[in-house]
Amino acid sequence: MRFHTLDLALAAQQAIVPLVRRVQRHDRKLAQQLRDATNSFVLNLGEGAYSDPGTRRSRYQSSAGSAGEVRVGLHAAIGWGYFRRSEAETALAQLDRLLGSLWKLTH
């Protein structure tokens, strides 16, 4: 059985990777934080999928927090001029879809 939300997370990760590489050229700390938070939302989803119900919800909430962190981090990178908003639209849209799916899983 496919886990649709994990598919959304992996698609978001793929869209984020080239943006993080661009941020890396200007701001290593922000790039590292974006990588860490991206890894967190993917890994917490994977862990939650195989956890008991109480832990599952907690992992999904952690995943949502990390996805939100990446979303804001991309906006910060736009603010710093590391890339244009139009270049981040796909990643931001993927993150919005992921966050919507995570909200459904936790509420």
N, C-alpha and C. Protein backbone atom coordinates (compact mmCIF):
# COMPACT_ATOMS: atom_id res chain seq x y z
N MET A 1 0.84 -1.18 0.00
CA MET A 1 0.00 0.00 0.00
C MET A 1 0.89 1.25 0.00
N ARG A 2 0.55 2.19 -0.86
CA ARG A 2 1.33 3.43 -0.95
C ARG A 2 0.91 4.41 0.14
N PHE A 3 1.86 5.14 0.63
CA PHE A 3 1.62 6.18 1.63
C PHE A 3 1.70 7.51 0.89
N HIS A 4 0.54 8.05 0.52
CA HIS A 4 0.46 9.25 -0.31
C HIS A 4 1.24 10.42 0.30
N THR A 5 1.13 10.60 1.60
CA THR A 5 1.81 11.74 2.24
C THR A 5 3.32 11.61 2.14
N LEU A 6 3.84 10.40 2.24
CA LEU A 6 5.28 10.20 2.06
C LEU A 6 5.68 10.51 0.62
N ASP A 7 4.84 10.13 -0.34
CA ASP A 7 5.11 10.49 -1.74
C ASP A 7 5.18 12.00 -1.90
N LEU A 8 4.27 12.73 -1.23
CA LEU A 8 4.30 14.20 -1.29
C LEU A 8 5.60 14.75 -0.68
N ALA A 9 6.03 14.15 0.42
CA ALA A 9 7.26 14.59 1.08
C ALA A 9 8.47 14.39 0.19
N LEU A 10 8.53 13.24 -0.46
CA LEU A 10 9.68 12.96 -1.34
C LEU A 10 9.67 13.86 -2.57
N ALA A 11 8.49 14.17 -3.08
CA ALA A 11 8.39 15.11 -4.20
C ALA A 11 8.84 16.51 -3.77
N ALA A 12 8.44 16.91 -2.57
CA ALA A 12 8.88 18.21 -2.05
C ALA A 12 10.39 18.24 -1.90
N GLN A 13 10.95 17.16 -1.37
CA GLN A 13 12.41 17.09 -1.22
C GLN A 13 13.11 17.29 -2.56
N GLN A 14 12.62 16.62 -3.59
CA GLN A 14 13.24 16.74 -4.92
C GLN A 14 13.18 18.18 -5.43
N ALA A 15 12.10 18.88 -5.13
CA ALA A 15 11.97 20.27 -5.57
C ALA A 15 12.86 21.21 -4.75
N ILE A 16 13.14 20.83 -3.51
CA ILE A 16 13.94 21.67 -2.61
C ILE A 16 15.43 21.56 -2.89
N VAL A 17 15.89 20.40 -3.30
CA VAL A 17 17.33 20.14 -3.47
C VAL A 17 18.04 21.22 -4.30
N PRO A 18 17.58 21.56 -5.49
CA PRO A 18 18.32 22.57 -6.26
C PRO A 18 18.32 23.95 -5.61
N LEU A 19 17.28 24.25 -4.87
CA LEU A 19 17.24 25.54 -4.18
C LEU A 19 18.25 25.58 -3.04
N VAL A 20 18.37 24.48 -2.32
CA VAL A 20 19.35 24.42 -1.22
C VAL A 20 20.76 24.55 -1.79
N ARG A 21 21.00 23.96 -2.93
CA ARG A 21 22.32 24.09 -3.56
C ARG A 21 22.62 25.54 -3.91
N ARG A 22 21.61 26.28 -4.32
CA ARG A 22 21.80 27.70 -4.61
C ARG A 22 22.06 28.50 -3.33
N VAL A 23 21.32 28.18 -2.28
CA VAL A 23 21.52 28.85 -1.00
C VAL A 23 22.93 28.58 -0.49
N GLN A 24 23.42 27.37 -0.68
CA GLN A 24 24.75 26.96 -0.21
C GLN A 24 25.84 27.91 -0.69
N ARG A 25 25.69 28.43 -1.88
CA ARG A 25 26.70 29.35 -2.43
C ARG A 25 26.81 30.65 -1.64
N HIS A 26 25.73 31.01 -0.94
CA HIS A 26 25.69 32.30 -0.25
C HIS A 26 25.67 32.17 1.27
N ASP A 27 25.06 31.10 1.77
CA ASP A 27 24.77 31.01 3.20
C ASP A 27 24.79 29.54 3.63
N ARG A 28 25.95 29.08 4.07
CA ARG A 28 26.09 27.67 4.46
C ARG A 28 25.18 27.28 5.61
N LYS A 29 25.01 28.17 6.58
CA LYS A 29 24.18 27.84 7.74
C LYS A 29 22.71 27.67 7.35
N LEU A 30 22.21 28.57 6.53
CA LEU A 30 20.82 28.43 6.10
C LEU A 30 20.65 27.17 5.26
N ALA A 31 21.59 26.89 4.39
CA ALA A 31 21.52 25.68 3.58
C ALA A 31 21.51 24.43 4.46
N GLN A 32 22.34 24.41 5.49
CA GLN A 32 22.38 23.25 6.39
C GLN A 32 21.06 23.12 7.14
N GLN A 33 20.51 24.23 7.58
CA GLN A 33 19.24 24.18 8.30
C GLN A 33 18.12 23.68 7.38
N LEU A 34 18.13 24.11 6.12
CA LEU A 34 17.14 23.63 5.17
C LEU A 34 17.30 22.12 4.92
N ARG A 35 18.54 21.66 4.80
CA ARG A 35 18.77 20.22 4.63
C ARG A 35 18.29 19.43 5.85
N ASP A 36 18.65 19.92 7.03
CA ASP A 36 18.25 19.22 8.26
C ASP A 36 16.74 19.16 8.40
N ALA A 37 16.05 20.27 8.15
CA ALA A 37 14.60 20.29 8.29
C ALA A 37 13.93 19.44 7.21
N THR A 38 14.50 19.42 6.01
CA THR A 38 13.95 18.57 4.96
C THR A 38 14.11 17.10 5.34
N ASN A 39 15.29 16.73 5.80
CA ASN A 39 15.49 15.35 6.28
C ASN A 39 14.50 15.02 7.40
N SER A 40 14.27 15.98 8.28
CA SER A 40 13.37 15.76 9.41
C SER A 40 11.95 15.48 8.95
N PHE A 41 11.43 16.27 7.99
CA PHE A 41 10.04 16.00 7.62
C PHE A 41 9.90 14.67 6.90
N VAL A 42 10.89 14.27 6.12
CA VAL A 42 10.82 12.98 5.44
C VAL A 42 10.96 11.83 6.46
N LEU A 43 11.96 11.91 7.31
CA LEU A 43 12.22 10.82 8.25
C LEU A 43 11.14 10.67 9.31
N ASN A 44 10.60 11.78 9.80
CA ASN A 44 9.51 11.69 10.77
C ASN A 44 8.27 11.05 10.17
N LEU A 45 8.01 11.31 8.90
CA LEU A 45 6.90 10.64 8.24
C LEU A 45 7.13 9.13 8.17
N GLY A 46 8.33 8.75 7.78
CA GLY A 46 8.66 7.33 7.71
C GLY A 46 8.57 6.65 9.04
N GLU A 47 9.05 7.31 10.08
CA GLU A 47 8.98 6.73 11.42
C GLU A 47 7.53 6.63 11.88
N GLY A 48 6.78 7.68 11.67
CA GLY A 48 5.39 7.69 12.10
C GLY A 48 4.55 6.61 11.46
N ALA A 49 4.84 6.30 10.22
CA ALA A 49 4.06 5.29 9.50
C ALA A 49 4.13 3.92 10.17
N TYR A 50 5.16 3.67 10.94
CA TYR A 50 5.34 2.36 11.57
C TYR A 50 5.31 2.44 13.10
N SER A 51 4.68 3.51 13.61
CA SER A 51 4.62 3.71 15.05
C SER A 51 3.22 3.44 15.59
N ASP A 52 3.13 3.32 16.91
CA ASP A 52 1.81 3.20 17.54
C ASP A 52 1.06 4.52 17.35
N PRO A 53 -0.27 4.53 17.51
CA PRO A 53 -1.06 5.72 17.19
C PRO A 53 -0.63 7.00 17.89
N GLY A 54 -0.28 6.95 19.17
CA GLY A 54 0.14 8.16 19.88
C GLY A 54 1.45 8.71 19.34
N THR A 55 2.40 7.83 19.13
CA THR A 55 3.70 8.24 18.59
C THR A 55 3.54 8.68 17.14
N ARG A 56 2.69 8.01 16.40
CA ARG A 56 2.46 8.35 15.00
C ARG A 56 2.04 9.82 14.87
N ARG A 57 1.04 10.21 15.65
CA ARG A 57 0.57 11.61 15.57
C ARG A 57 1.69 12.58 15.91
N SER A 58 2.47 12.27 16.93
CA SER A 58 3.58 13.13 17.32
C SER A 58 4.61 13.27 16.19
N ARG A 59 4.93 12.17 15.54
CA ARG A 59 5.89 12.21 14.43
C ARG A 59 5.35 13.02 13.26
N TYR A 60 4.05 12.85 12.99
CA TYR A 60 3.45 13.62 11.90
C TYR A 60 3.42 15.11 12.24
N GLN A 61 3.20 15.44 13.50
CA GLN A 61 3.25 16.84 13.91
C GLN A 61 4.67 17.39 13.79
N SER A 62 5.65 16.59 14.16
CA SER A 62 7.05 17.02 13.99
C SER A 62 7.37 17.22 12.52
N SER A 63 6.88 16.33 11.69
CA SER A 63 7.09 16.45 10.25
C SER A 63 6.50 17.76 9.74
N ALA A 64 5.30 18.08 10.20
CA ALA A 64 4.66 19.33 9.78
C ALA A 64 5.47 20.54 10.24
N GLY A 65 5.98 20.49 11.46
CA GLY A 65 6.80 21.61 11.94
C GLY A 65 8.04 21.80 11.10
N SER A 66 8.67 20.71 10.73
CA SER A 66 9.88 20.81 9.90
C SER A 66 9.55 21.28 8.48
N ALA A 67 8.43 20.82 7.93
CA ALA A 67 8.02 21.28 6.60
C ALA A 67 7.74 22.77 6.63
N GLY A 68 7.10 23.23 7.70
CA GLY A 68 6.86 24.67 7.86
C GLY A 68 8.16 25.45 7.97
N GLU A 69 9.12 24.87 8.66
CA GLU A 69 10.44 25.51 8.79
C GLU A 69 11.10 25.66 7.42
N VAL A 70 11.03 24.63 6.61
CA VAL A 70 11.61 24.70 5.26
C VAL A 70 10.90 25.77 4.45
N ARG A 71 9.58 25.81 4.55
CA ARG A 71 8.81 26.80 3.79
C ARG A 71 9.27 28.21 4.15
N VAL A 72 9.38 28.49 5.43
CA VAL A 72 9.82 29.82 5.88
C VAL A 72 11.28 30.06 5.49
N GLY A 73 12.11 29.02 5.56
CA GLY A 73 13.51 29.15 5.15
C GLY A 73 13.65 29.51 3.68
N LEU A 74 12.79 28.94 2.84
CA LEU A 74 12.82 29.30 1.42
C LEU A 74 12.40 30.75 1.23
N HIS A 75 11.41 31.19 2.00
CA HIS A 75 11.02 32.60 1.93
C HIS A 75 12.16 33.51 2.41
N ALA A 76 12.89 33.07 3.41
CA ALA A 76 14.05 33.85 3.88
C ALA A 76 15.10 33.94 2.78
N ALA A 77 15.34 32.84 2.09
CA ALA A 77 16.31 32.85 0.99
C ALA A 77 15.86 33.78 -0.13
N ILE A 78 14.57 33.82 -0.38
CA ILE A 78 14.04 34.76 -1.37
C ILE A 78 14.31 36.18 -0.89
N GLY A 79 14.04 36.42 0.38
CA GLY A 79 14.29 37.75 0.96
C GLY A 79 15.74 38.19 0.86
N TRP A 80 16.65 37.25 0.99
CA TRP A 80 18.07 37.55 0.87
C TRP A 80 18.51 37.67 -0.59
N GLY A 81 17.65 37.33 -1.50
CA GLY A 81 17.98 37.45 -2.92
C GLY A 81 18.77 36.29 -3.48
N TYR A 82 18.72 35.13 -2.82
CA TYR A 82 19.46 33.97 -3.31
C TYR A 82 18.81 33.35 -4.54
N PHE A 83 17.50 33.54 -4.67
CA PHE A 83 16.75 33.16 -5.88
C PHE A 83 15.43 33.91 -5.84
N ARG A 84 14.73 33.94 -6.97
CA ARG A 84 13.45 34.63 -7.07
C ARG A 84 12.32 33.71 -6.61
N ARG A 85 11.24 34.33 -6.18
CA ARG A 85 10.07 33.56 -5.74
C ARG A 85 9.60 32.63 -6.85
N SER A 86 9.63 33.11 -8.08
CA SER A 86 9.17 32.28 -9.20
C SER A 86 9.99 30.99 -9.32
N GLU A 87 11.24 31.03 -8.89
CA GLU A 87 12.10 29.85 -8.95
C GLU A 87 11.78 28.85 -7.82
N ALA A 88 11.10 29.32 -6.80
CA ALA A 88 10.76 28.47 -5.66
C ALA A 88 9.30 28.02 -5.68
N GLU A 89 8.53 28.45 -6.67
CA GLU A 89 7.09 28.15 -6.68
C GLU A 89 6.78 26.66 -6.61
N THR A 90 7.50 25.85 -7.36
CA THR A 90 7.23 24.41 -7.34
C THR A 90 7.46 23.84 -5.95
N ALA A 91 8.57 24.17 -5.33
CA ALA A 91 8.87 23.66 -3.99
C ALA A 91 7.85 24.16 -2.98
N LEU A 92 7.49 25.42 -3.05
CA LEU A 92 6.51 25.97 -2.11
C LEU A 92 5.15 25.31 -2.29
N ALA A 93 4.76 25.07 -3.52
CA ALA A 93 3.48 24.39 -3.78
C ALA A 93 3.51 22.95 -3.25
N GLN A 94 4.64 22.28 -3.43
CA GLN A 94 4.78 20.91 -2.91
C GLN A 94 4.68 20.91 -1.39
N LEU A 95 5.32 21.89 -0.76
CA LEU A 95 5.26 21.98 0.70
C LEU A 95 3.85 22.27 1.18
N ASP A 96 3.12 23.13 0.47
CA ASP A 96 1.73 23.41 0.84
C ASP A 96 0.87 22.15 0.76
N ARG A 97 1.06 21.36 -0.29
CA ARG A 97 0.31 20.11 -0.41
C ARG A 97 0.67 19.15 0.72
N LEU A 98 1.96 19.07 1.02
CA LEU A 98 2.41 18.21 2.12
C LEU A 98 1.81 18.66 3.44
N LEU A 99 1.86 19.94 3.71
CA LEU A 99 1.32 20.46 4.97
C LEU A 99 -0.19 20.21 5.07
N GLY A 100 -0.89 20.32 3.97
CA GLY A 100 -2.32 20.01 3.98
C GLY A 100 -2.58 18.55 4.31
N SER A 101 -1.80 17.68 3.72
CA SER A 101 -1.95 16.25 3.99
C SER A 101 -1.61 15.93 5.45
N LEU A 102 -0.56 16.54 5.97
CA LEU A 102 -0.17 16.32 7.36
C LEU A 102 -1.24 16.85 8.31
N TRP A 103 -1.86 17.96 7.96
CA TRP A 103 -2.93 18.50 8.80
C TRP A 103 -4.06 17.48 8.90
N LYS A 104 -4.41 16.88 7.77
CA LYS A 104 -5.48 15.86 7.77
C LYS A 104 -5.10 14.66 8.64
N LEU A 105 -3.82 14.30 8.64
CA LEU A 105 -3.38 13.16 9.44
C LEU A 105 -3.38 13.45 10.95
N THR A 106 -3.30 14.71 11.32
CA THR A 106 -3.15 15.06 12.73
C THR A 106 -4.41 15.68 13.34
N HIS A 107 -5.42 15.94 12.53
CA HIS A 107 -6.64 16.57 13.06
C HIS A 107 -7.88 15.78 12.73
